[in-house]
Amino acid sequence: MREISTEKITETISSLCIRANHYLAPDMKNAFCDAVAKERSELGKKILGQLEDNLKIAEEDMIPICQDTGMAVVFIKVGQEVHITGGSLEDAINEGVRKGYTEGFLRKSVVSDPIERKNTGDNTPAVIHYSIVPGDKLEITVAPKGFGSENMSRVFMLKPADGIEGVKNAVLTAVKDAGPNACPPMVVGVGIGGTFEKCAILAKKALTREAGSHSEIGWVKDLEEELLEKINKTGIGPGGLGGAVTAFAVNVLTYPTHIAGLPVAVNICCHVNRHVSAVL
């Protein structure tokens, strides 16, 4: 049994919150480079150039890459051989978010009640997704999610008879409806299967997968490539002002489902698609 202190977890999450909001992930940097090479529209190239300038300034001057520093989404894999010491794991995670957003001077965007709308003042609580896995390590991924793109999320409860064409139509419908509101070029996370809530979590988790990578499942890989091509043919383009690059990537995750259903979730992320991980 390996012990990991809540203090260590808090410090790690605090650091991840600050890193995610100031530095673009390496896979997204590569995606930007590819997009500049592929974009044919002069206006589209100009928008991409402005976005790259913004990201460079953020990194050099240590300011957030977006004014919406998001609601903290935390994926945490806990090894079965890990013993958390020093208090509650959930409290440690939220303390890390509080510390990161407060000491990192990041915008506090969380309200304590969805109707009364009083700001919590420290961007807590986080949205936390736990999984128990073999081993003696703790893997943490922090993915701050801004709500310009989050508000474009969709869940479609399709019929099994809708099949793969129904899935394609659902994803394209969500992207077209989002248009410029999701701050394209975007990364499109898609969850297929499970239940109403499971497919939504899959779609969110899909956004943390490296842009440019593909599923090891043959039909899923084909779907990702086809959807990316079709999305980029919509002409929405960088900033929604037209062009050939509307999306950097389409990442799809799947899960077994019920004989009577075909749940599909689409979670779109803006051009920064913040995500950063650490292993303790």
Protein backbone atom coordinates (compact mmCIF):
# COMPACT_ATOMS: atom_id res chain seq x y z
CA MET A 1 0.00 0.00 0.00
CA ARG A 2 1.41 3.39 -1.05
CA GLU A 3 0.49 6.55 0.84
CA ILE A 4 -0.18 9.88 -0.88
CA SER A 5 -0.96 12.93 1.24
CA THR A 6 -3.86 15.27 0.59
CA GLU A 7 -1.35 18.12 0.86
CA LYS A 8 0.53 16.75 -2.16
CA ILE A 9 -2.73 16.37 -4.10
CA THR A 10 -3.76 19.94 -3.28
CA GLU A 11 -0.43 21.40 -4.40
CA THR A 12 -0.50 19.37 -7.62
CA ILE A 13 -4.01 20.45 -8.57
CA SER A 14 -3.23 24.07 -7.75
CA SER A 15 -0.25 23.94 -10.12
CA LEU A 16 -2.28 22.18 -12.82
CA CYS A 17 -5.02 24.83 -12.68
CA ILE A 18 -2.45 27.58 -13.21
CA ARG A 19 -0.61 25.71 -15.99
CA ALA A 20 -3.78 24.82 -17.86
CA ASN A 21 -4.91 28.43 -17.92
CA HIS A 22 -1.60 29.95 -19.02
CA TYR A 23 0.02 27.47 -21.39
CA LEU A 24 -1.41 25.72 -24.41
CA ALA A 25 -1.05 21.93 -24.31
CA PRO A 26 1.55 20.51 -26.76
CA ASP A 27 -1.06 18.68 -28.83
CA MET A 28 -3.01 21.90 -29.30
CA LYS A 29 0.15 23.75 -30.36
CA ASN A 30 0.65 21.10 -33.05
CA ALA A 31 -2.99 21.46 -34.07
CA PHE A 32 -2.52 25.21 -34.54
CA CYS A 33 0.52 24.66 -36.75
CA ASP A 34 -1.39 22.19 -38.90
CA ALA A 35 -4.35 24.55 -39.14
CA VAL A 36 -2.24 27.45 -40.39
CA ALA A 37 -0.87 25.22 -43.14
CA LYS A 38 -4.31 23.96 -44.15
CA GLU A 39 -6.31 27.20 -43.99
CA ARG A 40 -6.96 28.67 -47.44
CA SER A 41 -8.98 31.75 -46.49
CA GLU A 42 -6.94 34.91 -46.02
CA LEU A 43 -9.30 36.05 -43.27
CA GLY A 44 -9.09 32.61 -41.69
CA LYS A 45 -5.29 32.76 -41.72
CA LYS A 46 -5.43 36.22 -40.15
CA ILE A 47 -7.70 34.99 -37.35
CA LEU A 48 -5.42 32.02 -36.67
CA GLY A 49 -2.45 34.39 -36.58
CA GLN A 50 -4.20 36.61 -34.04
CA LEU A 51 -5.04 33.60 -31.89
CA GLU A 52 -1.42 32.44 -32.00
CA ASP A 53 -0.23 35.94 -31.02
CA ASN A 54 -2.64 35.88 -28.08
CA LEU A 55 -1.31 32.50 -26.94
CA LYS A 56 2.29 33.67 -27.22
CA ILE A 57 1.61 36.81 -25.17
CA ALA A 58 -0.19 34.73 -22.52
CA GLU A 59 2.78 32.38 -22.17
CA GLU A 60 5.42 35.11 -22.13
CA ASP A 61 3.59 37.50 -19.80
CA MET A 62 1.97 34.80 -17.63
CA ILE A 63 -1.61 35.90 -18.22
CA PRO A 64 -4.58 33.62 -18.92
CA ILE A 65 -4.96 32.38 -22.49
CA CYS A 66 -8.67 33.21 -22.22
CA GLN A 67 -10.59 35.61 -19.99
CA ASP A 68 -13.00 32.76 -19.19
CA THR A 69 -10.77 30.57 -17.03
CA GLY A 70 -13.57 28.05 -16.84
CA MET A 71 -15.16 25.75 -14.31
CA ALA A 72 -12.56 23.26 -13.14
CA VAL A 73 -13.26 19.74 -14.38
CA VAL A 74 -11.06 17.10 -12.75
CA PHE A 75 -10.64 13.52 -13.90
CA ILE A 76 -8.88 11.47 -11.24
CA LYS A 77 -7.78 7.84 -11.48
CA VAL A 78 -7.09 6.36 -8.06
CA GLY A 79 -4.94 3.24 -7.91
CA GLN A 80 -6.37 0.48 -5.75
CA GLU A 81 -3.08 0.28 -3.85
CA VAL A 82 -3.13 3.97 -2.90
CA HIS A 83 -3.99 5.14 0.60
CA ILE A 84 -4.93 8.83 0.83
CA THR A 85 -3.67 10.34 4.08
CA GLY A 86 -4.38 13.63 5.79
CA GLY A 87 -8.08 14.05 5.13
CA SER A 88 -10.74 13.90 2.43
CA LEU A 89 -9.69 13.43 -1.20
CA GLU A 90 -12.56 15.58 -2.42
CA ASP A 91 -11.70 18.36 0.00
CA ALA A 92 -8.08 18.19 -1.17
CA ILE A 93 -9.13 18.52 -4.81
CA ASN A 94 -11.35 21.52 -4.12
CA GLU A 95 -8.66 23.13 -1.98
CA GLY A 96 -6.27 22.74 -4.90
CA VAL A 97 -8.73 24.48 -7.21
CA ARG A 98 -9.33 27.25 -4.68
CA LYS A 99 -5.59 27.75 -4.20
CA GLY A 100 -4.82 27.69 -7.91
CA TYR A 101 -7.54 30.13 -8.89
CA THR A 102 -6.94 32.47 -5.98
CA GLU A 103 -3.14 32.55 -5.96
CA GLY A 104 -3.00 32.37 -9.75
CA PHE A 105 -5.32 35.40 -10.02
CA LEU A 106 -7.68 33.48 -12.30
CA ARG A 107 -11.26 34.59 -12.87
CA LYS A 108 -13.74 33.10 -10.41
CA SER A 109 -16.74 31.98 -12.43
CA VAL A 110 -18.63 29.54 -10.20
CA VAL A 111 -21.91 30.38 -8.46
CA SER A 112 -23.09 28.39 -5.44
CA ASP A 113 -26.68 28.04 -6.63
CA PRO A 114 -27.82 27.83 -10.27
CA ILE A 115 -30.77 30.17 -9.63
CA GLU A 116 -29.67 32.50 -6.84
CA ARG A 117 -26.31 33.01 -8.63
CA LYS A 118 -24.07 34.03 -5.71
CA ASN A 119 -20.39 33.68 -6.66
CA THR A 120 -18.40 31.30 -4.45
CA GLY A 121 -15.40 33.61 -4.76
CA ASP A 122 -12.78 30.90 -5.36
CA ASN A 123 -14.05 28.90 -8.37
CA THR A 124 -15.02 25.92 -6.24
CA PRO A 125 -16.49 23.39 -6.22
CA ALA A 126 -14.88 21.53 -9.10
CA VAL A 127 -16.72 18.93 -11.16
CA ILE A 128 -14.91 15.70 -10.30
CA HIS A 129 -14.99 12.36 -12.12
CA TYR A 130 -13.43 9.47 -10.19
CA SER A 131 -12.33 6.07 -11.39
CA ILE A 132 -10.68 3.27 -9.44
CA VAL A 133 -7.92 1.52 -11.37
CA PRO A 134 -5.22 -1.09 -10.65
CA GLY A 135 -1.87 0.12 -9.34
CA ASP A 136 -0.35 2.43 -6.74
CA LYS A 137 -0.52 5.77 -8.54
CA LEU A 138 -2.85 8.72 -8.70
CA GLU A 139 -3.42 10.23 -12.17
CA ILE A 140 -4.96 13.70 -12.26
CA THR A 141 -6.22 15.57 -15.31
CA VAL A 142 -7.46 19.13 -14.93
CA ALA A 143 -9.55 20.49 -17.82
CA PRO A 144 -10.97 23.97 -17.13
CA LYS A 145 -14.08 24.39 -19.28
CA GLY A 146 -15.27 27.79 -20.45
CA PHE A 147 -18.98 28.15 -20.99
CA GLY A 148 -19.01 29.78 -24.42
CA SER A 149 -18.35 26.32 -25.82
CA GLU A 150 -19.91 24.38 -22.92
CA ASN A 151 -23.27 26.00 -23.61
CA MET A 152 -23.17 24.43 -27.08
CA SER A 153 -23.27 20.90 -25.64
CA ARG A 154 -25.97 18.49 -26.81
CA VAL A 155 -27.33 15.06 -25.87
CA PHE A 156 -29.32 13.10 -28.45
CA MET A 157 -31.28 10.02 -27.36
CA LEU A 158 -31.36 8.29 -30.73
CA LYS A 159 -33.15 5.09 -31.65
CA PRO A 160 -30.99 2.06 -32.50
CA ALA A 161 -32.45 2.16 -36.01
CA ASP A 162 -30.89 5.61 -36.51
CA GLY A 163 -27.53 3.85 -36.64
CA ILE A 164 -24.24 5.41 -37.65
CA GLU A 165 -25.89 7.89 -40.00
CA GLY A 166 -28.00 9.16 -37.12
CA VAL A 167 -24.85 9.64 -35.07
CA LYS A 168 -23.19 11.61 -37.86
CA ASN A 169 -26.26 13.80 -38.28
CA ALA A 170 -26.42 14.49 -34.54
CA VAL A 171 -22.78 15.61 -34.36
CA LEU A 172 -23.04 17.79 -37.46
CA THR A 173 -26.27 19.34 -36.17
CA ALA A 174 -24.59 20.26 -32.88
CA VAL A 175 -21.58 21.79 -34.62
CA LYS A 176 -23.64 23.78 -37.12
CA ASP A 177 -25.93 25.07 -34.35
CA ALA A 178 -22.87 26.12 -32.33
CA GLY A 179 -21.33 28.03 -35.24
CA PRO A 180 -19.14 30.91 -34.01
CA ASN A 181 -20.40 30.64 -30.41
CA ALA A 182 -17.94 27.83 -29.62
CA CYS A 183 -14.92 29.99 -30.58
CA PRO A 184 -13.69 27.85 -33.49
CA PRO A 185 -11.46 26.21 -34.52
CA MET A 186 -12.89 23.73 -32.05
CA VAL A 187 -12.25 20.27 -30.72
CA VAL A 188 -15.37 18.11 -30.81
CA GLY A 189 -15.77 15.48 -28.10
CA VAL A 190 -18.33 12.78 -28.83
CA GLY A 191 -19.66 10.09 -26.50
CA ILE A 192 -21.66 7.19 -27.93
CA GLY A 193 -23.42 4.58 -25.83
CA GLY A 194 -24.02 4.00 -22.16
CA THR A 195 -26.90 6.00 -20.72
CA PHE A 196 -28.00 9.65 -20.74
CA GLU A 197 -25.32 10.70 -18.26
CA LYS A 198 -22.62 8.24 -19.33
CA CYS A 199 -22.45 9.45 -22.92
CA ALA A 200 -22.06 13.04 -21.68
CA ILE A 201 -19.12 12.09 -19.46
CA LEU A 202 -17.57 10.20 -22.37
CA ALA A 203 -17.87 13.29 -24.58
CA LYS A 204 -16.20 15.43 -21.92
CA LYS A 205 -13.42 12.91 -21.37
CA ALA A 206 -12.86 12.63 -25.14
CA LEU A 207 -11.74 16.28 -25.16
CA THR A 208 -8.76 15.39 -22.98
CA ARG A 209 -7.44 12.88 -25.52
CA GLU A 210 -4.55 14.15 -27.61
CA ALA A 211 -5.74 16.11 -30.64
CA GLY A 212 -4.67 14.29 -33.79
CA SER A 213 -4.76 10.86 -32.18
CA HIS A 214 -7.43 8.32 -33.12
CA SER A 215 -9.42 5.54 -31.55
CA GLU A 216 -8.00 2.02 -31.82
CA ILE A 217 -11.46 0.81 -32.86
CA GLY A 218 -11.63 0.74 -36.65
CA TRP A 219 -15.13 2.08 -37.22
CA VAL A 220 -14.63 4.78 -34.58
CA LYS A 221 -11.41 5.97 -36.23
CA ASP A 222 -13.23 6.11 -39.58
CA LEU A 223 -16.04 8.09 -37.96
CA GLU A 224 -13.63 10.59 -36.42
CA GLU A 225 -11.94 11.20 -39.76
CA GLU A 226 -15.21 11.49 -41.70
CA LEU A 227 -16.77 13.87 -39.20
CA LEU A 228 -13.67 16.08 -39.13
CA GLU A 229 -13.75 16.33 -42.90
CA LYS A 230 -17.47 17.14 -42.97
CA ILE A 231 -17.19 19.69 -40.16
CA ASN A 232 -14.37 21.46 -41.94
CA LYS A 233 -16.48 21.58 -45.10
CA THR A 234 -19.19 23.58 -43.30
CA GLY A 235 -17.15 26.73 -43.92
CA ILE A 236 -17.69 28.07 -40.39
CA GLY A 237 -13.95 28.62 -40.14
CA PRO A 238 -11.70 30.33 -37.57
CA GLY A 239 -13.69 32.68 -35.36
CA GLY A 240 -16.81 31.72 -37.30
CA LEU A 241 -15.76 34.11 -40.08
CA GLY A 242 -15.34 31.50 -42.79
CA GLY A 243 -12.58 29.17 -43.82
CA ALA A 244 -11.44 25.59 -44.17
CA VAL A 245 -10.53 24.92 -40.52
CA THR A 246 -13.60 24.77 -38.32
CA ALA A 247 -12.31 21.94 -36.11
CA PHE A 248 -8.87 20.75 -35.09
CA ALA A 249 -10.07 17.27 -34.16
CA VAL A 250 -13.04 15.02 -33.49
CA ASN A 251 -12.46 12.64 -30.58
CA VAL A 252 -14.97 9.83 -30.04
CA LEU A 253 -15.34 7.51 -27.05
CA THR A 254 -17.84 4.64 -26.88
CA TYR A 255 -19.43 2.42 -24.23
CA PRO A 256 -21.84 -0.55 -24.29
CA THR A 257 -25.51 0.46 -24.22
CA HIS A 258 -29.04 -0.92 -23.87
CA ILE A 259 -30.76 -2.79 -26.71
CA ALA A 260 -33.39 -0.04 -26.92
CA GLY A 261 -31.12 2.99 -27.07
CA LEU A 262 -28.37 4.87 -28.87
CA PRO A 263 -27.32 7.82 -26.68
CA VAL A 264 -25.02 10.37 -28.29
CA ALA A 265 -23.44 13.38 -26.57
CA VAL A 266 -21.49 16.20 -28.18
CA ASN A 267 -19.24 18.37 -26.02
CA ILE A 268 -17.48 21.09 -28.00
CA CYS A 269 -14.41 22.93 -26.77
CA CYS A 270 -12.96 26.17 -28.06
CA HIS A 271 -9.58 26.55 -29.76
CA VAL A 272 -7.57 26.36 -26.52
CA ASN A 273 -9.08 23.06 -25.29
CA ARG A 274 -7.30 23.28 -21.93
CA HIS A 275 -6.13 20.02 -20.38
CA VAL A 276 -3.07 19.08 -18.36
CA SER A 277 -2.20 15.95 -16.39
CA ALA A 278 0.12 14.75 -13.62
CA VAL A 279 0.84 11.38 -12.05
CA LEU A 280 1.62 11.03 -8.34
